[in-house]
Protein backbone atom coordinates (compact mmCIF):
# COMPACT_ATOMS: atom_id res chain seq x y z
CA MET A 1 -77.98 -6.67 45.36
CA SER A 2 -77.06 -8.34 42.08
CA SER A 3 -78.49 -11.48 40.48
CA GLY A 4 -76.27 -14.11 38.95
CA VAL A 5 -75.44 -17.77 38.42
CA VAL A 6 -72.88 -19.93 40.24
CA VAL A 7 -70.27 -20.91 37.65
CA ARG A 8 -67.83 -22.63 40.02
CA ALA A 9 -68.51 -24.20 43.39
CA GLY A 10 -66.14 -25.38 46.11
CA ARG A 11 -66.51 -25.96 49.81
CA GLY A 12 -67.42 -22.55 51.14
CA LEU A 13 -66.12 -20.58 48.13
CA TYR A 14 -68.11 -19.88 44.98
CA THR A 15 -67.67 -17.93 41.78
CA VAL A 16 -70.75 -16.05 40.57
CA GLN A 17 -71.23 -14.43 37.18
CA THR A 18 -73.78 -11.67 37.47
CA ASP A 19 -76.38 -10.92 34.84
CA THR A 20 -74.25 -7.96 33.76
CA GLY A 21 -71.30 -10.28 33.07
CA ARG A 22 -69.24 -9.47 36.16
CA VAL A 23 -67.40 -12.41 37.79
CA VAL A 24 -67.29 -12.22 41.60
CA PRO A 25 -65.74 -14.66 44.13
CA CYS A 26 -68.29 -15.12 46.91
CA GLY A 27 -68.81 -16.71 50.28
CA LEU A 28 -72.12 -17.89 51.70
CA ARG A 29 -73.80 -15.82 54.41
CA GLY A 30 -73.42 -17.80 57.65
CA ASN A 31 -77.01 -17.35 58.77
CA LEU A 32 -78.22 -18.37 55.32
CA LYS A 33 -76.16 -21.57 55.44
CA LYS A 34 -77.73 -22.54 58.76
CA ASN A 35 -81.30 -21.96 57.65
CA LEU A 36 -81.03 -22.70 53.95
CA THR A 37 -84.09 -24.14 52.23
CA TYR A 38 -84.38 -25.39 48.67
CA PRO A 39 -87.68 -24.86 46.87
CA GLU A 40 -87.01 -27.24 44.00
CA SER A 41 -88.71 -28.74 40.97
CA GLY A 42 -91.97 -30.63 40.79
CA ASN A 43 -90.08 -33.94 40.86
CA ARG A 44 -92.11 -36.46 42.85
CA ARG A 45 -89.23 -36.99 45.28
CA HIS A 46 -87.94 -33.44 45.73
CA LYS A 47 -89.27 -31.56 48.72
CA VAL A 48 -88.48 -28.33 50.50
CA GLU A 49 -86.27 -29.09 53.47
CA GLN A 50 -83.65 -27.49 55.64
CA ALA A 51 -80.06 -27.80 54.48
CA LYS A 52 -78.98 -29.54 57.70
CA LYS A 53 -81.43 -32.36 56.93
CA ARG A 54 -80.35 -32.83 53.32
CA ARG A 55 -76.99 -34.55 53.83
CA GLU A 56 -75.62 -32.54 50.92
CA THR A 57 -71.91 -32.50 50.04
CA ASN A 58 -72.24 -28.82 49.15
CA PRO A 59 -75.18 -26.46 49.73
CA LEU A 60 -74.71 -24.86 46.31
CA ALA A 61 -73.96 -26.25 42.86
CA ILE A 62 -73.00 -24.76 39.53
CA GLY A 63 -76.13 -23.50 37.82
CA ASP A 64 -77.76 -22.22 41.01
CA ARG A 65 -79.31 -18.77 40.63
CA VAL A 66 -78.37 -16.47 43.52
CA GLU A 67 -78.59 -12.92 44.84
CA ILE A 68 -75.26 -11.48 46.01
CA GLU A 69 -74.08 -8.39 47.86
CA VAL A 70 -70.74 -7.08 46.59
CA ASP A 71 -68.50 -5.56 49.27
CA GLU A 72 -67.10 -2.02 49.24
CA SER A 73 -63.91 -3.08 47.48
CA GLY A 74 -65.95 -4.41 44.59
CA MET A 75 -63.69 -7.47 44.46
CA THR A 76 -65.65 -10.04 46.50
CA GLY A 77 -69.21 -10.66 47.56
CA VAL A 78 -71.56 -12.62 49.80
CA ILE A 79 -74.42 -14.83 48.64
CA GLU A 80 -77.53 -13.57 50.38
CA GLU A 81 -80.28 -15.61 48.70
CA ILE A 82 -80.65 -18.75 46.58
CA MET A 83 -83.43 -18.94 44.02
CA PRO A 84 -85.70 -21.99 43.56
CA ARG A 85 -84.23 -24.72 41.40
CA THR A 86 -86.12 -25.90 38.33
CA SER A 87 -84.11 -29.14 38.23
CA ALA A 88 -81.08 -30.77 39.79
CA LEU A 89 -78.83 -33.51 38.43
CA THR A 90 -77.80 -35.46 41.53
CA ARG A 91 -76.06 -38.66 42.55
CA ARG A 92 -74.92 -40.42 45.70
CA SER A 93 -71.52 -39.12 46.80
CA GLY A 94 -68.49 -41.34 47.19
CA ASN A 95 -69.03 -41.86 50.91
CA GLU A 96 -72.62 -43.01 50.20
CA ARG A 97 -74.03 -40.88 53.03
CA GLU A 98 -74.55 -37.62 51.20
CA ARG A 99 -76.15 -36.33 48.04
CA GLN A 100 -74.00 -34.57 45.48
CA THR A 101 -75.68 -32.12 43.14
CA LEU A 102 -73.70 -32.01 39.91
CA VAL A 103 -75.62 -29.22 38.15
CA ALA A 104 -78.66 -27.15 39.15
CA ASN A 105 -81.29 -25.69 36.80
CA LEU A 106 -80.21 -27.96 33.97
CA ASP A 107 -82.06 -27.85 30.64
CA LEU A 108 -80.20 -30.57 28.75
CA ALA A 109 -78.12 -33.57 29.87
CA ILE A 110 -75.69 -34.65 27.15
CA ILE A 111 -74.93 -38.29 27.92
CA THR A 112 -71.55 -38.75 26.26
CA PHE A 113 -69.82 -42.03 25.46
CA ALA A 114 -67.15 -43.04 22.98
CA LEU A 115 -67.71 -45.62 20.29
CA ARG A 116 -64.15 -46.85 20.85
CA ASP A 117 -61.18 -46.16 23.09
CA PRO A 118 -62.93 -46.82 25.45
CA GLN A 119 -65.68 -48.90 23.83
CA VAL A 120 -69.24 -47.79 24.55
CA ASP A 121 -70.66 -49.57 27.60
CA PRO A 122 -74.47 -49.72 27.24
CA TRP A 123 -74.93 -50.93 30.82
CA LYS A 124 -73.23 -47.84 32.18
CA LEU A 125 -74.94 -45.63 29.60
CA ASP A 126 -78.28 -46.85 30.92
CA ARG A 127 -77.31 -45.74 34.44
CA PHE A 128 -76.49 -42.23 33.21
CA LEU A 129 -79.83 -42.13 31.40
CA VAL A 130 -81.68 -43.05 34.60
CA LEU A 131 -79.72 -40.36 36.46
CA ALA A 132 -80.96 -37.76 33.93
CA GLU A 133 -84.50 -39.16 33.70
CA ASP A 134 -84.76 -38.93 37.48
CA ALA A 135 -83.80 -35.24 37.25
CA GLU A 136 -86.58 -34.79 34.65
CA VAL A 137 -84.39 -32.94 32.17
CA ASN A 138 -84.15 -33.26 28.39
CA ILE A 139 -81.59 -35.80 27.20
CA LEU A 140 -79.27 -36.01 24.21
CA ILE A 141 -77.03 -39.05 23.69
CA VAL A 142 -73.69 -38.26 22.04
CA LEU A 143 -71.53 -41.07 20.69
CA ASN A 144 -68.10 -39.55 20.24
CA LYS A 145 -64.96 -40.65 18.38
CA THR A 146 -66.87 -41.64 15.23
CA GLU A 147 -63.56 -41.45 13.35
CA LEU A 148 -62.55 -44.68 15.11
CA ALA A 149 -65.66 -46.65 14.12
CA THR A 150 -67.62 -47.55 11.01
CA ASP A 151 -71.05 -46.16 10.19
CA ALA A 152 -72.49 -49.61 10.85
CA GLU A 153 -70.97 -49.67 14.35
CA PHE A 154 -72.50 -46.27 15.12
CA GLU A 155 -75.94 -47.33 13.89
CA ASP A 156 -75.73 -50.56 15.90
CA ALA A 157 -74.90 -48.63 19.10
CA ALA A 158 -77.62 -46.03 18.48
CA LYS A 159 -80.54 -48.08 17.17
CA GLU A 160 -82.07 -49.31 20.44
CA TYR A 161 -81.89 -45.88 22.06
CA ARG A 162 -83.45 -44.25 19.02
CA ARG A 163 -86.19 -46.88 19.01
CA ILE A 164 -87.29 -45.88 22.52
CA GLY A 165 -87.27 -42.19 21.68
CA TYR A 166 -83.83 -40.85 22.53
CA ASP A 167 -82.05 -38.39 20.26
CA VAL A 168 -78.61 -39.76 19.33
CA VAL A 169 -75.86 -37.76 17.63
CA GLY A 170 -72.48 -38.98 16.40
CA THR A 171 -69.53 -36.64 16.86
CA SER A 172 -65.79 -36.45 16.38
CA ALA A 173 -63.79 -33.79 18.19
CA ARG A 174 -60.88 -34.73 15.93
CA THR A 175 -62.58 -34.34 12.52
CA GLY A 176 -65.35 -31.92 13.51
CA ALA A 177 -68.12 -34.29 12.45
CA GLY A 178 -71.40 -33.54 14.25
CA ILE A 179 -70.04 -30.42 15.98
CA PRO A 180 -72.31 -27.91 14.13
CA GLU A 181 -75.35 -30.04 14.94
CA LEU A 182 -74.33 -30.30 18.59
CA ARG A 183 -73.77 -26.54 18.74
CA ASP A 184 -77.32 -25.95 17.48
CA ARG A 185 -78.74 -28.20 20.22
CA LEU A 186 -76.91 -26.21 22.91
CA LYS A 187 -77.91 -22.67 21.96
CA GLY A 188 -79.65 -20.82 24.78
CA LYS A 189 -79.59 -23.76 27.21
CA ILE A 190 -77.85 -24.76 30.42
CA ALA A 191 -76.40 -28.10 29.39
CA ALA A 192 -73.98 -30.59 30.88
CA PHE A 193 -71.70 -33.25 29.49
CA CYS A 194 -72.24 -36.39 31.57
CA GLY A 195 -70.29 -39.57 31.08
CA PRO A 196 -67.25 -41.59 32.12
CA SER A 197 -63.67 -40.40 31.83
CA GLY A 198 -61.80 -40.69 28.57
CA VAL A 199 -64.75 -40.40 26.18
CA GLY A 200 -63.70 -36.95 24.96
CA LYS A 201 -66.00 -34.53 26.80
CA SER A 202 -63.33 -31.85 27.24
CA SER A 203 -62.19 -32.34 23.63
CA LEU A 204 -65.76 -31.83 22.45
CA LEU A 205 -66.03 -28.64 24.48
CA ASN A 206 -62.79 -27.40 22.93
CA ALA A 207 -64.21 -28.19 19.48
CA LEU A 208 -67.50 -26.46 20.25
CA GLN A 209 -65.76 -23.32 21.44
CA PRO A 210 -62.20 -23.10 20.12
CA GLY A 211 -59.79 -21.26 22.39
CA LEU A 212 -60.87 -22.81 25.68
CA ARG A 213 -57.88 -25.16 25.67
CA LEU A 214 -59.30 -27.44 28.33
CA LYS A 215 -56.90 -30.16 29.42
CA THR A 216 -57.37 -33.53 27.72
CA ALA A 217 -55.72 -36.94 28.13
CA GLU A 218 -55.55 -40.30 26.41
CA VAL A 219 -57.11 -43.41 27.94
CA GLY A 220 -54.89 -45.91 29.75
CA ASP A 221 -53.08 -48.42 27.55
CA VAL A 222 -53.76 -51.33 29.90
CA THR A 223 -57.09 -50.57 31.58
CA HIS A 224 -58.70 -48.72 28.65
CA LEU A 225 -60.30 -46.49 31.27
CA GLY A 226 -60.30 -42.75 30.95
CA ARG A 227 -58.11 -40.51 33.03
CA HIS A 228 -59.77 -37.61 34.79
CA THR A 229 -58.89 -34.33 33.08
CA THR A 230 -61.73 -32.25 34.54
CA VAL A 231 -61.06 -32.13 38.29
CA SER A 232 -63.91 -29.81 39.34
CA ALA A 233 -67.22 -28.89 37.79
CA GLU A 234 -67.39 -25.57 36.02
CA LEU A 235 -70.16 -23.77 34.13
CA ILE A 236 -68.74 -22.26 30.97
CA PRO A 237 -70.52 -19.46 29.06
CA LEU A 238 -70.86 -20.24 25.36
CA THR A 239 -70.13 -17.52 22.83
CA PHE A 240 -73.09 -18.66 20.71
CA GLY A 241 -75.49 -18.49 23.68
CA GLY A 242 -76.09 -20.64 26.74
CA TRP A 243 -73.91 -22.43 29.27
CA LEU A 244 -72.17 -25.78 29.30
CA ALA A 245 -71.06 -27.64 32.41
CA ASP A 246 -67.92 -29.73 32.17
CA THR A 247 -68.22 -32.24 35.00
CA PRO A 248 -65.55 -34.67 36.24
CA GLY A 249 -65.78 -38.13 34.70
CA LEU A 250 -67.81 -40.58 36.74
CA ARG A 251 -66.67 -44.18 36.73
CA GLN A 252 -69.59 -45.27 38.90
CA VAL A 253 -73.08 -43.82 39.08
CA GLU A 254 -74.88 -44.32 42.38
CA PHE A 255 -78.42 -42.96 42.68
CA TRP A 256 -79.64 -40.80 45.52
CA ASP A 257 -83.14 -41.30 46.90
CA LEU A 258 -84.38 -43.38 43.96
CA PRO A 259 -86.66 -46.12 45.36
CA GLU A 260 -86.75 -49.47 43.57
CA GLU A 261 -90.38 -48.95 42.60
CA ASP A 262 -89.52 -45.71 40.78
CA VAL A 263 -86.67 -47.04 38.61
CA ALA A 264 -89.04 -48.27 35.89
CA TYR A 265 -90.42 -44.72 35.54
CA CYS A 266 -86.94 -43.77 34.34
CA PHE A 267 -87.08 -46.26 31.44
CA PRO A 268 -89.15 -44.61 28.66
CA GLU A 269 -90.25 -47.95 27.26
CA MET A 270 -91.51 -49.09 30.69
CA GLU A 271 -93.00 -45.87 32.04
CA PRO A 272 -96.29 -46.06 30.05
CA LEU A 273 -96.88 -49.58 31.43
CA MET A 274 -96.62 -48.60 35.08
CA GLY A 275 -99.94 -49.30 36.77
CA GLU A 276 -100.95 -51.86 34.14
CA CYS A 277 -99.68 -54.94 36.03
CA ARG A 278 -102.15 -57.30 37.72
CA PHE A 279 -100.63 -56.67 41.14
CA ALA A 280 -100.04 -53.18 42.50
CA ASP A 281 -96.77 -54.24 44.16
CA CYS A 282 -95.42 -56.01 41.05
CA ARG A 283 -91.60 -56.04 40.93
CA HIS A 284 -91.52 -57.00 37.23
CA ARG A 285 -89.50 -60.17 37.75
CA THR A 286 -91.63 -63.34 37.79
CA GLU A 287 -95.11 -62.11 38.74
CA PRO A 288 -98.08 -63.29 36.61
CA GLY A 289 -99.87 -60.54 34.74
CA CYS A 290 -96.82 -58.26 34.67
CA ALA A 291 -97.25 -55.76 31.83
CA ILE A 292 -93.50 -55.18 31.56
CA LEU A 293 -92.71 -58.90 31.27
CA GLU A 294 -95.42 -59.28 28.64
CA ALA A 295 -93.97 -56.36 26.68
CA LYS A 296 -90.51 -57.92 26.87
CA GLN A 297 -91.82 -61.26 25.64
CA GLY A 298 -93.60 -59.47 22.80
CA GLY A 299 -90.43 -57.68 21.72
CA ASP A 300 -91.51 -54.18 22.76
CA ILE A 301 -88.86 -54.05 25.49
CA ASP A 302 -85.31 -55.02 24.63
CA GLU A 303 -83.93 -58.00 26.58
CA ARG A 304 -80.65 -56.25 27.43
CA ARG A 305 -82.44 -53.11 28.60
CA TYR A 306 -84.66 -55.24 30.82
CA LEU A 307 -81.61 -56.92 32.37
CA SER A 308 -80.13 -53.46 32.88
CA TYR A 309 -83.28 -52.49 34.77
CA LEU A 310 -82.95 -55.58 36.99
CA GLN A 311 -79.35 -54.67 37.85
CA MET A 312 -80.47 -51.24 39.07
CA THR A 313 -83.20 -52.50 41.37
CA ALA A 314 -82.95 -53.93 44.86
CA PRO A 315 -81.61 -57.44 45.59
CA VAL A 316 -83.98 -60.25 44.74
CA LYS A 317 -86.27 -61.83 47.27
CA PRO A 318 -86.04 -65.53 48.27
CA GLY A 319 -87.04 -67.80 45.39
CA GLU A 320 -86.43 -65.18 42.67
CA LYS A 321 -83.74 -65.47 40.02
CA PRO A 322 -81.00 -62.83 40.35
CA ALA A 323 -80.14 -60.56 37.46
CA PRO A 324 -77.03 -61.59 35.53
CA LYS A 325 -73.88 -60.03 36.90
CA TYR A 326 -72.16 -57.42 34.78
CA THR A 327 -69.12 -58.60 32.86
CA PRO A 328 -67.10 -56.61 30.31
CA GLU A 329 -68.02 -59.22 27.68
CA ALA A 330 -71.72 -58.45 28.19
CA ASN A 331 -71.48 -55.13 26.38
CA ARG A 332 -70.07 -56.63 23.20
């Protein structure tokens, strides 16, 4: 058998690149599909369980390490074994009943937004950050299209995220600004661009590795929303070392199996305060002795980030004040 990584995944058909560089279209062994188990990461919510209990849109994702048996023709193969995952970037699928794994064994999530066209939406950016924090992978925030904004606008968009410990890089696929720095961050890693449509993820990938010629598109003139140019996830080998996943743009991010009480763990400025509240079941809304509320009042937690946290948690209980509803004006 040969070892390799899944570089493209569809329903029942996968493309595997072996460790020797051979690319083989593969199916999944029927018996394996029925009895598939996933020994995953040490994430507090990930457990080993049978595939039929997982409600997964697809039993395999790009980035999965597998063992394959190539047939006598040498043209196709069968996946015989799936290796344990070290991490998995997941979300709730569109039908809300299944989990969708975007990338397996991810080292670095590159949360990518545009400074303009479309304007950066910090509320949505926060949701992508929680998605990556929940997967327990390293995070890099990329603010693209710097050629359309001033230095002051970039610093204003980046300052709060830098203050809480995130690495933020400004890039321009058009001028090449920030591309060498981004290339250095990617070397030797399995990384993924994550972000909404129209922010320039495919253009950045083309700039990082000229010659790929991935399809790109302008944002809509009326809606200012991006058009999907990546229609299926693909893991692309980088000539300078490593892999980069180009995932379809996500206009909405719905979490899978993220309880309300765990959301605060995915906010770096809140995580150290967990367990410090007066009440063990504190929901960090109006309770006396809440460490998170005290930190917000003292200026250690940003007001907008706190409101973003409230929007991601469960509906309020009777007598509590609801979180402000999202409006496009709120991100300006």
